[in-house]
Protein backbone atom coordinates (compact mmCIF):
# COMPACT_ATOMS: atom_id res chain seq x y z
CA MET A 1 1.19 7.82 -5.19
CA ILE A 2 0.32 8.81 -8.73
CA ILE A 3 -2.15 11.59 -9.54
CA VAL A 4 -3.63 11.62 -13.04
CA LEU A 5 -4.92 15.01 -14.14
CA LYS A 6 -7.82 15.65 -16.47
CA PRO A 7 -7.01 16.88 -19.99
CA GLU A 8 -8.55 20.26 -19.16
CA ALA A 9 -6.61 20.68 -15.88
CA SER A 10 -5.01 24.12 -15.69
CA GLU A 11 -1.57 25.16 -14.51
CA GLU A 12 -3.29 26.72 -11.52
CA ASN A 13 -4.88 23.37 -10.62
CA GLN A 14 -1.53 21.65 -10.91
CA GLU A 15 0.30 24.22 -8.80
CA ARG A 16 -2.26 24.05 -6.00
CA ILE A 17 -1.95 20.26 -5.80
CA LYS A 18 1.84 20.47 -5.84
CA LYS A 19 1.94 23.16 -3.17
CA ASP A 20 -0.42 21.34 -0.79
CA ILE A 21 1.48 18.05 -1.09
CA GLU A 22 4.88 19.67 -0.63
CA SER A 23 3.60 21.33 2.56
CA PHE A 24 3.90 17.86 4.14
CA GLY A 25 7.59 17.67 3.24
CA LEU A 26 7.06 15.45 0.20
CA LYS A 27 8.41 15.90 -3.30
CA VAL A 28 6.33 16.00 -6.47
CA TRP A 29 7.50 15.25 -9.98
CA VAL A 30 5.43 16.13 -13.02
CA SER A 31 5.32 14.24 -16.31
CA ARG A 32 3.48 15.95 -19.16
CA GLY A 33 2.34 13.63 -21.93
CA GLU A 34 0.52 14.30 -25.16
CA PHE A 35 -2.91 13.59 -23.63
CA ARG A 36 -2.39 13.49 -19.88
CA THR A 37 -0.30 15.07 -17.17
CA ILE A 38 0.79 12.77 -14.35
CA MET A 39 2.07 13.84 -10.96
CA GLY A 40 4.11 11.47 -8.81
CA VAL A 41 4.58 11.82 -5.06
CA ILE A 42 7.96 10.87 -3.57
CA GLY A 43 8.29 10.18 0.15
CA ASP A 44 6.20 8.80 3.01
CA GLU A 45 2.60 9.13 1.85
CA THR A 46 1.11 8.56 5.31
CA PRO A 47 0.16 12.26 5.84
CA LEU A 48 -1.81 12.19 2.59
CA ARG A 49 -4.11 9.29 3.52
CA ASP A 50 -6.87 11.60 4.73
CA MET A 51 -6.26 14.27 2.13
CA PRO A 52 -9.14 14.34 -0.42
CA LEU A 53 -6.88 14.63 -3.46
CA SER A 54 -9.48 13.09 -5.76
CA LEU A 55 -11.73 16.09 -5.05
CA TYR A 56 -9.17 18.69 -6.13
CA PRO A 57 -10.05 20.59 -9.30
CA GLY A 58 -8.40 19.02 -12.32
CA VAL A 59 -7.81 15.57 -10.78
CA GLU A 60 -9.12 12.58 -12.71
CA LYS A 61 -7.96 9.81 -10.36
CA VAL A 62 -5.49 9.03 -7.60
CA ILE A 63 -3.55 5.76 -7.66
CA PRO A 64 -1.91 4.73 -4.36
CA ILE A 65 1.35 2.86 -4.73
CA LEU A 66 1.94 1.81 -1.13
CA LYS A 67 -0.43 -0.61 0.59
CA PRO A 68 -2.51 0.78 3.46
CA TYR A 69 -0.99 -1.86 5.74
CA ARG A 70 2.78 -1.83 6.13
CA LEU A 71 3.87 -3.60 9.29
CA VAL A 72 1.99 -6.81 8.51
CA ASP A 73 3.13 -6.83 4.88
CA ARG A 74 5.81 -9.26 3.71
CA GLU A 75 7.56 -6.38 1.97
CA HIS A 76 8.20 -4.94 5.43
CA LYS A 77 9.54 -8.24 6.77
CA GLY A 78 10.57 -10.92 4.33
CA GLU A 79 11.07 -13.81 6.73
CA ASP A 80 8.21 -15.55 8.53
CA THR A 81 7.41 -14.34 12.03
CA ILE A 82 7.76 -17.16 14.54
CA ILE A 83 5.93 -16.62 17.82
CA THR A 84 7.37 -18.46 20.81
CA LEU A 85 4.92 -18.97 23.66
CA SER A 86 5.85 -18.91 27.33
CA THR A 87 5.65 -22.71 27.30
CA GLY A 88 8.34 -22.90 24.61
CA THR A 89 6.01 -23.81 21.74
CA ALA A 90 6.85 -21.98 18.51
CA ILE A 91 4.11 -21.00 16.07
CA GLY A 92 4.88 -20.10 12.47
CA GLY A 93 7.75 -22.49 11.85
CA LYS A 94 7.94 -26.08 10.68
CA GLU A 95 5.75 -27.42 13.47
CA ILE A 96 1.96 -27.33 13.12
CA VAL A 97 0.47 -26.29 16.46
CA VAL A 98 -2.95 -27.53 17.53
CA MET A 99 -4.96 -25.62 20.13
CA ALA A 100 -7.85 -27.64 21.52
CA GLY A 101 -10.42 -27.58 24.28
CA PRO A 102 -13.99 -26.64 25.14
CA CYS A 103 -15.77 -23.63 23.74
CA SER A 104 -16.39 -22.42 27.29
CA VAL A 105 -14.76 -23.10 30.62
CA GLU A 106 -17.67 -24.80 32.37
CA ASN A 107 -16.18 -25.98 35.65
CA ARG A 108 -12.87 -27.05 37.15
CA GLU A 109 -13.34 -30.82 36.84
CA SER A 110 -14.35 -30.92 33.17
CA THR A 111 -11.71 -28.37 32.11
CA LEU A 112 -8.86 -30.27 33.79
CA LYS A 113 -10.12 -33.55 32.33
CA ILE A 114 -10.20 -32.11 28.82
CA ALA A 115 -6.80 -30.44 29.26
CA ARG A 116 -5.14 -33.69 30.30
CA SER A 117 -6.72 -35.54 27.37
CA VAL A 118 -5.84 -33.07 24.60
CA LYS A 119 -2.31 -32.79 25.98
CA LYS A 120 -1.94 -36.58 25.77
CA ALA A 121 -3.20 -36.51 22.17
CA GLY A 122 -0.59 -33.93 21.17
CA ALA A 123 -2.20 -30.50 21.55
CA LYS A 124 0.16 -27.68 22.53
CA ALA A 125 -2.41 -25.21 23.79
CA LEU A 126 -5.71 -25.32 25.67
CA ARG A 127 -8.52 -23.17 24.29
CA GLY A 128 -11.42 -22.18 26.49
CA GLY A 129 -13.58 -19.10 26.93
CA ALA A 130 -13.85 -17.49 30.36
CA PHE A 131 -15.73 -14.49 28.97
CA LYS A 132 -18.12 -15.52 26.18
CA PRO A 133 -19.80 -13.03 23.83
CA ARG A 134 -22.93 -14.86 22.71
CA THR A 135 -25.54 -14.01 20.11
CA SER A 136 -28.31 -14.52 22.64
CA PRO A 137 -28.22 -12.74 26.02
CA TYR A 138 -29.78 -15.88 27.52
CA SER A 139 -26.93 -18.19 26.49
CA PHE A 140 -24.11 -19.17 28.84
CA GLN A 141 -21.77 -16.18 29.09
CA GLY A 142 -18.80 -17.88 30.76
CA LEU A 143 -17.46 -18.01 34.32
CA GLY A 144 -15.41 -14.84 34.10
CA MET A 145 -12.69 -14.57 36.73
CA GLU A 146 -13.37 -18.06 38.03
CA GLY A 147 -12.81 -19.38 34.51
CA LEU A 148 -9.45 -17.64 34.26
CA LYS A 149 -8.31 -19.26 37.51
CA ILE A 150 -9.34 -22.68 36.22
CA LEU A 151 -7.40 -22.13 32.99
CA LYS A 152 -4.34 -21.12 34.99
CA GLU A 153 -4.58 -24.28 37.07
CA ALA A 154 -4.88 -26.38 33.90
CA ARG A 155 -1.74 -24.75 32.48
CA GLU A 156 0.20 -25.33 35.69
CA GLU A 157 -0.77 -29.00 35.74
CA THR A 158 -0.40 -29.87 32.04
CA GLY A 159 2.11 -27.35 30.71
CA LEU A 160 -0.30 -26.36 27.94
CA ALA A 161 -0.39 -22.74 26.84
CA VAL A 162 -3.75 -21.07 27.45
CA VAL A 163 -5.81 -19.40 24.70
CA THR A 164 -8.79 -17.37 25.85
CA GLU A 165 -10.86 -14.54 24.48
CA VAL A 166 -10.73 -10.92 25.58
CA THR A 167 -13.86 -8.92 24.79
CA ASP A 168 -13.43 -5.69 26.73
CA PRO A 169 -10.49 -3.26 26.50
CA ARG A 170 -10.76 -2.80 30.27
CA ASN A 171 -10.01 -6.51 30.84
CA VAL A 172 -6.89 -6.80 28.69
CA GLY A 173 -4.51 -6.35 31.60
CA LEU A 174 -6.37 -8.81 33.80
CA ILE A 175 -6.64 -11.56 31.18
CA SER A 176 -3.00 -11.04 30.19
CA GLU A 177 -2.05 -12.23 33.68
CA TYR A 178 -3.70 -15.61 33.05
CA ALA A 179 -3.52 -16.23 29.29
CA ASP A 180 -0.60 -17.07 27.01
CA ILE A 181 -2.54 -16.03 23.90
CA LEU A 182 -5.20 -13.32 23.78
CA GLN A 183 -7.97 -14.20 21.36
CA ILE A 184 -9.87 -11.47 19.52
CA GLY A 185 -13.17 -12.98 18.43
CA ALA A 186 -14.82 -12.48 15.07
CA ARG A 187 -17.33 -10.04 16.52
CA ASN A 188 -14.51 -7.86 17.82
CA MET A 189 -12.23 -7.74 14.79
CA HIS A 190 -13.44 -4.18 14.14
CA ASN A 191 -13.29 -3.17 17.82
CA TYR A 192 -10.39 -0.78 17.28
CA ASP A 193 -10.15 0.28 20.93
CA LEU A 194 -9.69 -3.37 21.86
CA LEU A 195 -7.13 -3.90 19.09
CA LYS A 196 -5.11 -0.94 20.37
CA GLU A 197 -5.18 -2.25 23.93
CA VAL A 198 -3.91 -5.74 23.05
CA GLY A 199 -1.29 -3.99 20.95
CA LYS A 200 0.09 -2.36 24.09
CA VAL A 201 0.74 -5.62 25.94
CA ARG A 202 3.43 -8.12 25.10
CA LYS A 203 1.26 -11.17 24.68
CA PRO A 204 0.64 -13.13 21.46
CA VAL A 205 -2.71 -12.28 19.88
CA LEU A 206 -4.97 -14.63 17.91
CA LEU A 207 -6.97 -12.38 15.60
CA LYS A 208 -10.08 -14.04 14.21
CA ARG A 209 -11.55 -12.87 10.93
CA GLY A 210 -14.78 -10.89 11.13
CA LEU A 211 -18.00 -12.56 10.04
CA SER A 212 -18.18 -10.58 6.79
CA SER A 213 -14.71 -9.05 6.61
CA THR A 214 -12.47 -8.90 3.57
CA VAL A 215 -8.85 -10.02 3.77
CA LYS A 216 -7.78 -6.38 3.41
CA GLU A 217 -9.90 -5.36 6.42
CA TRP A 218 -8.43 -8.27 8.35
CA LEU A 219 -4.88 -7.20 7.51
CA LEU A 220 -5.66 -3.66 8.60
CA ALA A 221 -7.06 -4.94 11.90
CA ALA A 222 -3.73 -6.67 12.51
CA GLU A 223 -1.97 -3.46 11.54
CA TYR A 224 -3.72 -1.72 14.45
CA ILE A 225 -2.11 -4.19 16.85
CA LEU A 226 1.37 -4.05 15.34
CA ASN A 227 1.19 -0.28 15.18
CA GLN A 228 1.00 -0.23 18.99
CA GLY A 229 4.20 -2.26 19.28
CA ASN A 230 2.95 -5.84 19.60
CA ASN A 231 4.42 -7.85 16.73
CA GLU A 232 3.17 -11.25 17.90
CA VAL A 233 -0.07 -11.60 15.99
CA MET A 234 -1.63 -14.68 14.42
CA PHE A 235 -4.47 -14.63 11.91
CA CYS A 236 -7.30 -17.11 12.49
CA GLU A 237 -9.56 -17.99 9.58
CA ARG A 238 -12.89 -19.20 11.00
CA GLY A 239 -15.21 -18.93 8.05
CA ILE A 240 -17.20 -16.01 6.68
CA ARG A 241 -20.89 -15.41 6.19
CA THR A 242 -22.13 -16.17 2.67
CA PHE A 243 -25.41 -17.25 1.04
CA GLU A 244 -24.56 -20.89 1.83
CA ASP A 245 -26.47 -22.30 4.80
CA SER A 246 -25.49 -25.98 4.82
CA THR A 247 -22.57 -25.10 7.11
CA ARG A 248 -22.42 -22.54 9.89
CA PHE A 249 -20.03 -20.39 7.88
CA THR A 250 -18.04 -20.77 4.66
CA LEU A 251 -14.37 -21.52 5.26
CA ASP A 252 -12.25 -19.38 2.94
CA ILE A 253 -9.43 -21.87 2.46
CA SER A 254 -7.85 -19.63 -0.18
CA ALA A 255 -7.26 -17.02 2.52
CA VAL A 256 -4.56 -19.23 4.05
CA PRO A 257 -2.07 -19.25 1.12
CA LEU A 258 -3.07 -15.66 0.31
CA LEU A 259 -2.15 -14.48 3.81
CA LYS A 260 1.05 -16.53 3.80
CA LYS A 261 2.04 -14.79 0.56
CA THR A 262 0.94 -11.30 1.63
CA SER A 263 2.01 -11.27 5.27
CA HIS A 264 4.82 -12.64 7.43
CA LEU A 265 2.47 -13.49 10.32
CA PRO A 266 1.34 -17.06 11.19
CA VAL A 267 -2.07 -18.33 10.08
CA ILE A 268 -4.35 -20.55 12.15
CA VAL A 269 -7.60 -22.17 10.99
CA ASP A 270 -10.66 -22.84 13.15
CA PRO A 271 -12.54 -25.72 11.47
CA SER A 272 -15.08 -25.97 14.30
CA HIS A 273 -16.69 -22.57 13.78
CA ALA A 274 -16.40 -22.78 10.02
CA ALA A 275 -18.29 -26.07 9.81
CA GLY A 276 -20.67 -25.77 12.70
CA ARG A 277 -20.96 -29.57 12.59
CA LYS A 278 -18.52 -32.11 13.96
CA ASP A 279 -18.55 -34.56 11.04
CA LEU A 280 -16.79 -32.07 8.73
CA ILE A 281 -14.01 -31.10 11.12
CA PRO A 282 -11.50 -33.86 10.13
CA ALA A 283 -11.70 -33.07 6.41
CA ILE A 284 -11.54 -29.31 6.93
CA SER A 285 -8.59 -29.68 9.31
CA LYS A 286 -6.66 -31.65 6.72
CA ALA A 287 -7.49 -29.13 4.01
CA ALA A 288 -6.23 -26.33 6.25
CA ILE A 289 -2.92 -28.09 6.85
CA ALA A 290 -2.54 -28.87 3.15
CA SER A 291 -3.11 -25.19 2.30
CA GLY A 292 -0.22 -24.12 4.54
CA ALA A 293 -1.84 -23.29 7.88
CA ASP A 294 0.50 -23.06 10.86
CA GLY A 295 -2.02 -24.46 13.29
CA LEU A 296 -5.59 -25.39 14.14
CA LEU A 297 -8.10 -24.28 16.77
CA ILE A 298 -10.45 -27.18 17.53
CA GLU A 299 -13.33 -27.51 19.99
CA VAL A 300 -13.08 -30.70 22.04
CA HIS A 301 -15.15 -32.03 24.96
CA PHE A 302 -15.31 -35.40 26.71
CA ASP A 303 -19.12 -35.29 26.32
CA PRO A 304 -20.22 -32.78 23.64
CA LEU A 305 -23.89 -33.46 24.42
CA GLN A 306 -23.32 -31.90 27.83
CA ALA A 307 -21.31 -28.91 26.54
CA LEU A 308 -22.81 -25.57 27.54
CA SER A 309 -21.97 -24.02 24.15
CA ASP A 310 -21.23 -25.13 20.58
CA ALA A 311 -22.15 -28.78 21.17
CA LEU A 312 -22.90 -29.44 17.49
CA GLN A 313 -19.39 -28.50 16.38
CA THR A 314 -17.46 -30.15 19.22
CA ILE A 315 -15.66 -33.48 18.79
CA THR A 316 -14.99 -36.06 21.48
CA ILE A 317 -11.61 -36.86 23.01
CA ALA A 318 -11.47 -40.13 21.06
CA GLU A 319 -12.27 -38.36 17.79
CA PHE A 320 -9.64 -35.73 18.52
CA SER A 321 -6.99 -38.36 19.22
CA GLN A 322 -7.79 -40.13 15.94
CA LEU A 323 -7.67 -36.84 14.05
CA MET A 324 -4.27 -35.99 15.52
CA GLU A 325 -2.87 -39.29 14.27
CA GLU A 326 -4.17 -38.58 10.77
CA LEU A 327 -2.81 -35.03 10.84
CA ARG A 328 0.64 -36.27 11.86
CA ALA A 329 0.75 -38.47 8.78
CA LEU A 330 -0.30 -35.57 6.56
CA ALA A 331 2.19 -33.19 8.15
CA SER A 332 4.99 -35.69 7.49
CA VAL A 333 4.09 -35.87 3.80
CA LEU A 334 4.21 -32.07 3.63
CA GLY A 335 7.63 -31.94 5.27
CA ARG A 336 6.28 -30.58 8.55
CA LYS A 337 5.67 -32.02 11.97
CA LEU A 338 2.87 -32.06 14.49
C-alpha cells in the first residue's frame, strides 16, 4: 500500500499515520520528495482494509498494491485448477465438459429420459433444479426433496455427475448428499452466508455471475468460498443485465479470457440463460469454446414446449446432439477435446 501525503501535511500527521499502521505489526517507509511525501506499507495489509486511511489528516490518496482477492488470483496459484468430480470427469484441463438437462426436475420419467439422451450425446453432467428460485411466486418452484432423489437415481443409472442449485444455507448439507456440483445461482452470488456455507463443504461449486455484477465482485464472491477452505470453484458466465433487450441478458464473452488470465479457476458458460432463445444457443456455445471456456451449461428437454420452466431457451435432444457434433469439431481445431 502506498499513501500519498498532501503538500501541507505536517510531521505530526505523518507520525500519527505511521504509529497507527505499525500498531498492526507492519513496517512503514517514508520517501520525501521535492513536492510530495510518500509512505509505503510493508507486510500483510489485510488488517488495514477497514482502516479509513484516506480520512486521516494530511492524506491525499491511498493506493492499494495487493488485490482484494488473493486465493482466486493467478498470482497465488500459477497453474490452472483442475476439478475432478466423483464420476472421474475433470474440469479445467484439456477436455471441454458439457453439463446439460432440464431447467427444473419435473418428474422421474422425463428426467431419466433426458439424462439417458444427453449422456448418449456426450454430456458429462446432468443439470436440473430441485429447488428453483423464480422471479414470480406463482411459477413452478421445483420438487424439492423428491427432485433430489430423482437426480440421484439418474446419476446411478447413467453415471452422469449431478449439478443442482442450492438456495438456502440451511440446505447445503442436505443437497451435498445428492449433488456432485453445488450451483450458486445469479440471484445468490451476493448471498454471503450461502457462500460461506458451501465453502465449508468439500463439493465443487458452480458460481454464477450476478445479474449486474462486475468481474471484481464475482471474483470476491469466489474468494468467500475459497476463504472457508473449499478450493473447487468454477465461474459460470450467464450474461448480465444491460440496456439491450433483444436477448434475455448480454453474454460478456470477454469475461472468459479475462477470468482465465486473472484467476486459476475453471470457467463455464451458460448460453441458455444469456440468450433466452434457443436459436442463438449454438452460435453462443461455439463462441464460448473459442474464447477459452472449460465447459458449457445447456438447457435440454425432449419436448421444450412442455417444459415447466425456461421453455424458450431450451433445445431439443436432437438439436443438442447436433450441437455436440459441431462442438467436437471446433474443440479439435483448438487442440482440445469434448
